[in-house]
């Protein structure tokens, strides 16, 4: 399951637990547009899935690793 956290001056604060991915992304996007804070979605193992701020969505490096092209030296 997915957790939703908000970035505050004191660090990341939990807002919601046990969310499905679509529900978590929708909620984080909505909150980000309304309040201009950064939000992240993490797994129960504390692995970051994505970061959402204002109107942008970024995937974690682990998610992108297999999808990025490789350039040979």
Protein backbone atom coordinates (compact mmCIF):
# COMPACT_ATOMS: atom_id res chain seq x y z
CA UNK A 1 0.00 0.00 0.00
CA UNK A 2 1.00 3.62 -0.51
CA UNK A 3 1.54 6.42 2.00
CA UNK A 4 1.10 10.12 1.21
CA UNK A 5 3.46 12.57 2.87
CA UNK A 6 3.72 16.38 2.82
CA UNK A 7 7.03 18.27 3.02
CA UNK A 8 6.98 20.75 5.90
CA UNK A 9 9.74 22.89 7.43
CA UNK A 10 10.13 20.08 10.00
CA UNK A 11 10.48 17.35 7.34
CA UNK A 12 8.06 14.85 5.80
CA UNK A 13 4.71 14.48 7.58
CA UNK A 14 2.31 11.56 7.03
CA UNK A 15 -1.10 12.57 5.66
CA UNK A 16 -2.64 9.26 4.57
CA UNK A 17 -1.94 5.52 4.75
CA UNK A 18 -3.10 2.41 2.88
CA UNK A 19 -3.91 4.18 -0.39
CA UNK A 20 -4.08 2.63 -3.84
CA UNK A 21 -1.64 4.23 -6.30
CA UNK A 22 -4.29 6.03 -8.40
CA UNK A 23 -6.00 7.36 -5.29
CA UNK A 24 -2.69 8.55 -3.83
CA UNK A 25 -1.57 10.32 -7.03
CA UNK A 26 -4.93 12.05 -7.47
CA UNK A 27 -4.98 13.24 -3.86
CA UNK A 28 -1.37 14.46 -3.96
CA UNK A 29 -1.96 16.36 -7.23
CA UNK A 30 -5.11 17.97 -5.83
CA UNK A 31 -3.41 18.98 -2.56
CA UNK A 32 -0.37 20.31 -4.39
CA UNK A 33 -2.49 22.51 -6.63
CA UNK A 34 -4.48 23.82 -3.67
CA UNK A 35 -1.67 24.40 -1.17
CA UNK A 36 1.58 24.69 -3.18
CA UNK A 37 3.45 22.20 -1.00
CA UNK A 38 5.50 19.21 -2.15
CA UNK A 39 4.06 15.74 -1.61
CA UNK A 40 5.55 12.29 -2.04
CA UNK A 41 4.21 8.80 -2.34
CA UNK A 42 6.14 6.09 -0.55
CA UNK A 43 5.77 2.38 0.05
CA UNK A 44 5.47 0.82 3.50
CA UNK A 45 9.19 0.05 3.15
CA UNK A 46 9.82 3.83 2.82
CA UNK A 47 10.81 3.65 -0.87
CA UNK A 48 9.88 6.84 -2.72
CA UNK A 49 7.61 6.17 -5.70
CA UNK A 50 7.10 9.74 -6.87
CA UNK A 51 7.33 13.39 -5.89
CA UNK A 52 4.52 15.79 -6.75
CA UNK A 53 4.89 19.55 -6.55
CA UNK A 54 2.68 22.28 -7.96
CA UNK A 55 1.75 20.69 -11.30
CA UNK A 56 4.67 18.35 -11.85
CA UNK A 57 5.08 14.64 -11.26
CA UNK A 58 8.50 12.98 -11.01
CA UNK A 59 9.30 9.30 -10.85
CA UNK A 60 11.97 7.91 -8.58
CA UNK A 61 15.35 6.97 -10.01
CA UNK A 62 14.61 3.28 -9.45
CA UNK A 63 11.45 3.56 -11.58
CA UNK A 64 13.34 5.31 -14.38
CA UNK A 65 16.46 3.13 -14.33
CA UNK A 66 15.14 0.50 -16.73
CA UNK A 67 13.47 2.99 -19.06
CA UNK A 68 16.40 5.31 -19.74
CA UNK A 69 18.53 4.77 -22.84
CA UNK A 70 22.09 3.59 -22.30
CA UNK A 71 24.95 5.31 -24.10
CA UNK A 72 28.07 3.27 -24.75
CA UNK A 73 31.43 5.05 -24.18
